[in-house]
N, C-alpha and C. Protein backbone atom coordinates (compact mmCIF):
# COMPACT_ATOMS: atom_id res chain seq x y z
N MET A 1 188.14 97.50 23.53
CA MET A 1 189.41 97.89 24.71
C MET A 1 188.60 98.58 25.71
N VAL A 2 188.87 97.84 26.85
CA VAL A 2 188.75 98.79 28.31
C VAL A 2 189.82 99.74 28.74
N GLN A 3 188.96 100.59 29.72
CA GLN A 3 190.34 101.65 30.39
C GLN A 3 190.44 100.59 31.38
N ILE A 4 191.51 100.48 31.76
CA ILE A 4 192.13 99.89 32.73
C ILE A 4 192.84 100.65 33.91
N GLU A 5 192.65 100.85 35.08
CA GLU A 5 192.94 101.38 36.38
C GLU A 5 194.14 100.61 37.04
N HIS A 6 194.84 101.40 38.01
CA HIS A 6 195.83 100.74 38.86
C HIS A 6 195.30 100.99 40.25
N GLY A 7 195.16 100.34 41.10
CA GLY A 7 194.89 100.63 42.33
C GLY A 7 196.04 99.75 43.30
N ALA A 8 196.04 99.95 44.72
CA ALA A 8 196.95 99.06 45.49
C ALA A 8 196.52 97.95 45.29
N GLY A 9 197.55 97.02 44.74
CA GLY A 9 197.41 95.61 44.80
C GLY A 9 196.41 94.92 43.61
N ARG A 10 195.93 95.87 42.76
CA ARG A 10 195.06 95.56 41.75
C ARG A 10 194.74 96.59 40.76
N PHE A 11 194.78 95.60 39.27
CA PHE A 11 194.31 96.44 38.30
C PHE A 11 193.03 96.28 38.33
N TYR A 12 191.78 97.02 37.27
CA TYR A 12 190.42 97.28 37.25
C TYR A 12 190.01 97.79 36.43
N VAL A 13 188.72 97.77 36.13
CA VAL A 13 187.78 98.41 35.07
C VAL A 13 186.54 98.90 35.93
N ALA A 14 186.36 100.21 35.86
CA ALA A 14 185.38 100.65 36.74
C ALA A 14 184.25 101.19 35.67
N GLY A 15 182.81 101.55 36.04
CA GLY A 15 181.88 101.60 35.52
C GLY A 15 180.83 101.84 36.39
N ASP A 16 179.82 103.03 36.03
CA ASP A 16 178.72 102.96 36.78
C ASP A 16 178.76 102.71 38.49
N GLY A 17 179.70 103.36 38.89
CA GLY A 17 180.11 103.47 40.28
C GLY A 17 180.51 102.13 40.86
N LYS A 18 181.04 100.98 40.02
CA LYS A 18 181.48 99.99 40.55
C LYS A 18 182.24 99.17 39.80
N ASP A 19 183.01 98.29 40.52
CA ASP A 19 184.26 97.40 39.65
C ASP A 19 183.43 96.56 38.40
N LEU A 20 183.92 96.42 37.08
CA LEU A 20 183.44 95.31 36.19
C LEU A 20 184.09 94.61 35.87
N ALA A 21 185.66 94.71 36.40
CA ALA A 21 186.38 93.48 36.29
C ALA A 21 187.69 94.05 37.00
N GLU A 22 188.50 92.97 37.84
CA GLU A 22 189.40 93.24 38.23
C GLU A 22 190.29 92.14 38.58
N ILE A 23 191.56 92.34 38.80
CA ILE A 23 192.52 91.36 39.01
C ILE A 23 193.66 91.89 40.40
N VAL A 24 193.40 90.76 41.14
CA VAL A 24 193.97 91.06 42.62
C VAL A 24 195.39 90.24 42.53
N TYR A 25 196.47 91.03 42.99
CA TYR A 25 197.61 90.49 43.32
C TYR A 25 198.39 90.93 44.48
N ARG A 26 199.37 90.49 44.90
CA ARG A 26 200.44 90.59 45.98
C ARG A 26 201.65 90.42 45.96
N LEU A 27 202.46 91.11 46.73
CA LEU A 27 203.77 90.73 46.58
C LEU A 27 204.66 89.40 47.62
N GLU A 28 204.92 88.60 46.94
CA GLU A 28 205.70 87.53 47.96
C GLU A 28 206.33 88.27 48.93
N GLU A 29 206.26 88.28 50.02
CA GLU A 29 207.63 88.89 50.81
C GLU A 29 209.21 88.13 50.74
N THR A 30 208.68 86.72 50.96
CA THR A 30 210.18 86.02 50.80
C THR A 30 210.79 85.97 49.39
N THR A 31 210.06 86.07 48.24
CA THR A 31 210.39 86.14 47.26
C THR A 31 210.43 87.19 45.99
N GLY A 32 209.50 88.08 46.43
CA GLY A 32 209.51 89.22 45.69
C GLY A 32 208.40 88.97 44.47
N ASP A 33 208.12 88.14 44.26
CA ASP A 33 207.08 87.57 43.22
C ASP A 33 205.88 88.19 43.54
N ILE A 34 205.13 88.38 42.05
CA ILE A 34 203.66 88.98 42.25
C ILE A 34 202.85 87.55 42.09
N VAL A 35 202.11 87.64 43.23
CA VAL A 35 201.20 86.52 43.28
C VAL A 35 199.62 86.69 42.81
N ILE A 36 199.38 86.42 41.71
CA ILE A 36 197.89 86.72 41.39
C ILE A 36 197.03 85.73 42.16
N ASP A 37 196.13 86.38 42.98
CA ASP A 37 195.41 85.71 43.77
C ASP A 37 193.83 85.42 43.26
N HIS A 38 193.36 86.46 42.16
CA HIS A 38 191.80 86.63 42.05
C HIS A 38 191.59 87.24 40.57
N THR A 39 190.75 87.03 39.84
CA THR A 39 190.43 87.66 38.72
C THR A 39 189.10 87.32 38.54
N TYR A 40 188.19 89.07 38.37
CA TYR A 40 187.00 88.80 38.30
C TYR A 40 186.40 90.00 37.33
N VAL A 41 185.40 89.17 36.07
CA VAL A 41 184.97 90.02 35.24
C VAL A 41 183.48 89.96 35.19
N SER A 42 182.75 90.95 35.27
CA SER A 42 181.32 91.09 35.51
C SER A 42 180.72 90.47 34.02
N GLU A 43 179.46 90.17 34.39
CA GLU A 43 178.38 89.61 32.97
C GLU A 43 178.56 90.72 32.19
N ASP A 44 178.74 92.21 32.37
CA ASP A 44 178.75 92.97 31.30
C ASP A 44 179.92 93.02 30.50
N LEU A 45 180.92 92.71 30.91
CA LEU A 45 182.44 92.39 29.97
C LEU A 45 182.64 91.19 29.66
N ARG A 46 181.96 90.22 30.09
CA ARG A 46 182.38 88.71 29.52
C ARG A 46 182.61 88.59 28.36
N GLY A 47 183.49 87.83 27.45
CA GLY A 47 183.54 87.92 26.16
C GLY A 47 184.48 88.76 25.42
N GLN A 48 184.78 89.73 26.20
CA GLN A 48 185.39 91.10 25.61
C GLN A 48 186.89 91.02 25.62
N GLY A 49 187.68 90.26 26.22
CA GLY A 49 188.83 90.18 26.54
C GLY A 49 189.46 91.14 27.43
N ALA A 50 188.34 91.42 28.32
CA ALA A 50 188.93 92.29 29.38
C ALA A 50 189.80 91.73 30.65
N GLY A 51 189.39 90.38 30.90
CA GLY A 51 190.20 89.37 31.66
C GLY A 51 191.77 89.02 31.33
N GLU A 52 191.73 89.15 29.77
CA GLU A 52 193.02 88.90 29.45
C GLU A 52 193.74 90.39 29.27
N GLU A 53 192.84 91.41 29.31
CA GLU A 53 193.98 92.51 29.43
C GLU A 53 194.21 92.95 30.74
N LEU A 54 193.59 92.42 31.60
CA LEU A 54 194.00 92.41 33.01
C LEU A 54 195.20 91.53 33.54
N VAL A 55 195.38 90.64 32.95
CA VAL A 55 196.51 89.74 33.27
C VAL A 55 197.51 90.47 32.37
N ARG A 56 197.31 91.15 31.25
CA ARG A 56 198.80 91.54 30.56
C ARG A 56 199.10 92.94 31.18
N ALA A 57 198.30 93.20 32.10
CA ALA A 57 198.45 94.77 32.30
C ALA A 57 199.38 93.94 33.61
N VAL A 58 199.54 93.14 34.55
CA VAL A 58 200.08 92.39 35.58
C VAL A 58 201.38 91.96 34.77
N VAL A 59 201.13 91.42 33.61
CA VAL A 59 202.65 90.76 33.09
C VAL A 59 203.20 92.20 32.66
N ASP A 60 202.91 93.48 32.17
CA ASP A 60 203.54 94.49 31.81
C ASP A 60 204.20 95.18 33.14
N LYS A 61 203.64 95.00 34.15
CA LYS A 61 203.68 95.56 35.50
C LYS A 61 205.15 94.52 35.90
N ALA A 62 205.05 93.72 35.82
CA ALA A 62 206.15 92.68 36.20
C ALA A 62 207.67 93.08 35.28
N ARG A 63 207.30 92.92 34.22
CA ARG A 63 208.21 93.05 33.26
C ARG A 63 208.87 94.36 33.32
N THR A 64 208.06 95.38 33.70
CA THR A 64 208.98 96.68 33.84
C THR A 64 209.47 96.66 35.27
N GLU A 65 209.32 96.16 36.08
CA GLU A 65 209.87 96.31 37.83
C GLU A 65 210.92 94.86 37.75
N LYS A 66 210.87 94.22 36.42
CA LYS A 66 211.74 93.09 36.58
C LYS A 66 211.45 91.78 37.74
N LEU A 67 210.13 91.91 37.46
CA LEU A 67 209.80 90.84 38.92
C LEU A 67 209.06 89.09 38.17
N LYS A 68 208.48 88.43 38.78
CA LYS A 68 208.34 87.29 38.29
C LYS A 68 206.73 87.37 38.90
N ILE A 69 206.37 86.16 38.09
CA ILE A 69 204.22 86.15 38.71
C ILE A 69 204.15 84.72 39.00
N VAL A 70 203.38 84.33 40.04
CA VAL A 70 202.88 83.49 40.41
C VAL A 70 201.37 83.43 39.93
N PRO A 71 200.93 82.43 38.94
CA PRO A 71 199.51 82.86 38.75
C PRO A 71 198.80 82.04 39.62
N VAL A 72 197.99 82.00 40.73
CA VAL A 72 197.65 81.41 41.80
C VAL A 72 195.97 81.14 41.16
N CYS A 73 195.40 82.13 40.91
CA CYS A 73 194.16 81.96 40.29
C CYS A 73 193.94 81.17 38.62
N SER A 74 192.97 80.36 38.62
CA SER A 74 193.00 79.32 37.74
C SER A 74 192.68 80.08 36.48
N TYR A 75 192.01 81.84 36.36
CA TYR A 75 191.95 82.09 35.14
C TYR A 75 193.48 82.74 34.56
N ALA A 76 194.16 83.11 35.51
CA ALA A 76 195.35 83.60 35.34
C ALA A 76 196.37 82.68 34.94
N ALA A 77 196.31 81.42 35.61
CA ALA A 77 197.27 80.15 35.13
C ALA A 77 196.67 79.78 33.75
N HIS A 78 195.80 80.05 33.56
CA HIS A 78 195.01 79.51 32.17
C HIS A 78 195.89 80.26 31.22
N GLN A 79 195.73 81.48 31.50
CA GLN A 79 196.47 82.75 30.38
C GLN A 79 197.93 82.31 30.18
N PHE A 80 198.52 82.26 31.40
CA PHE A 80 199.77 82.14 30.99
C PHE A 80 200.09 80.80 30.27
N LYS A 81 199.28 79.25 30.00
CA LYS A 81 199.49 78.34 29.38
C LYS A 81 198.90 78.77 27.88
N LYS A 82 197.97 79.79 27.57
CA LYS A 82 197.43 79.71 26.52
C LYS A 82 198.31 81.01 25.70
N HIS A 83 199.59 81.79 26.53
CA HIS A 83 200.10 82.92 26.10
C HIS A 83 201.73 82.29 26.47
N PRO A 84 202.74 81.59 25.59
CA PRO A 84 203.77 81.24 26.13
C PRO A 84 204.76 82.62 25.73
N GLU A 85 203.98 83.54 25.36
CA GLU A 85 205.44 84.93 25.18
C GLU A 85 205.31 85.53 26.71
N TYR A 86 204.32 85.01 27.89
CA TYR A 86 204.64 85.11 29.19
C TYR A 86 205.35 84.76 29.82
N GLU A 87 206.16 83.49 29.50
CA GLU A 87 207.03 82.70 29.92
C GLU A 87 208.23 83.66 30.88
N ASP A 88 208.62 84.48 30.22
CA ASP A 88 209.77 85.45 30.77
C ASP A 88 209.46 85.84 32.02
N VAL A 89 208.20 85.87 32.42
CA VAL A 89 207.83 86.54 34.01
C VAL A 89 207.34 85.51 34.59
N LEU A 90 207.05 84.26 34.26
CA LEU A 90 206.57 83.19 35.15
C LEU A 90 207.46 82.80 36.08
N SER A 91 207.08 82.80 37.38
CA SER A 91 208.15 82.27 38.49
C SER A 91 208.26 80.71 38.46
N GLY A 92 208.89 80.22 38.72
CA GLY A 92 209.05 78.63 39.05
C GLY A 92 208.82 77.93 40.30
N ASP A 93 208.16 79.18 41.03
CA ASP A 93 208.20 78.91 42.64
C ASP A 93 206.76 78.20 42.52
N GLU A 94 206.51 76.76 42.52
CA GLU A 94 205.22 76.28 42.72
C GLU A 94 204.70 76.11 44.14
N SER A 95 205.40 76.57 44.79
CA SER A 95 205.11 75.95 46.05
C SER A 95 203.84 77.32 46.91
N LEU A 96 204.12 78.39 45.77
CA LEU A 96 202.79 79.59 46.22
C LEU A 96 201.63 78.98 45.52
N ASN A 97 201.56 78.08 44.73
CA ASN A 97 200.29 77.69 43.79
C ASN A 97 199.05 76.82 44.83
N SER A 98 199.90 76.40 46.13
CA SER A 98 199.01 75.23 47.03
C SER A 98 197.93 76.24 47.85
């Protein structure tokens, strides 16, 4: 399990003075949805579930703040397909995916 930090528009894992993993999101102005734009996991953390934990952090944020998520990032979109329990925060606004 990794230590996830929260910054402006992102959750991340820091180590040795650099980001080892991060998920970047923004709030869509017109809908208020969280749009996940990018996920990165360094070689040091690959295969350890760090990416999944980052997606879960955004899902938890959306649930707490009663927001929906548009997973534009292909990794995040894959996680939403893999975890049907995230459906409650999945936005139906597919126009943001293009």
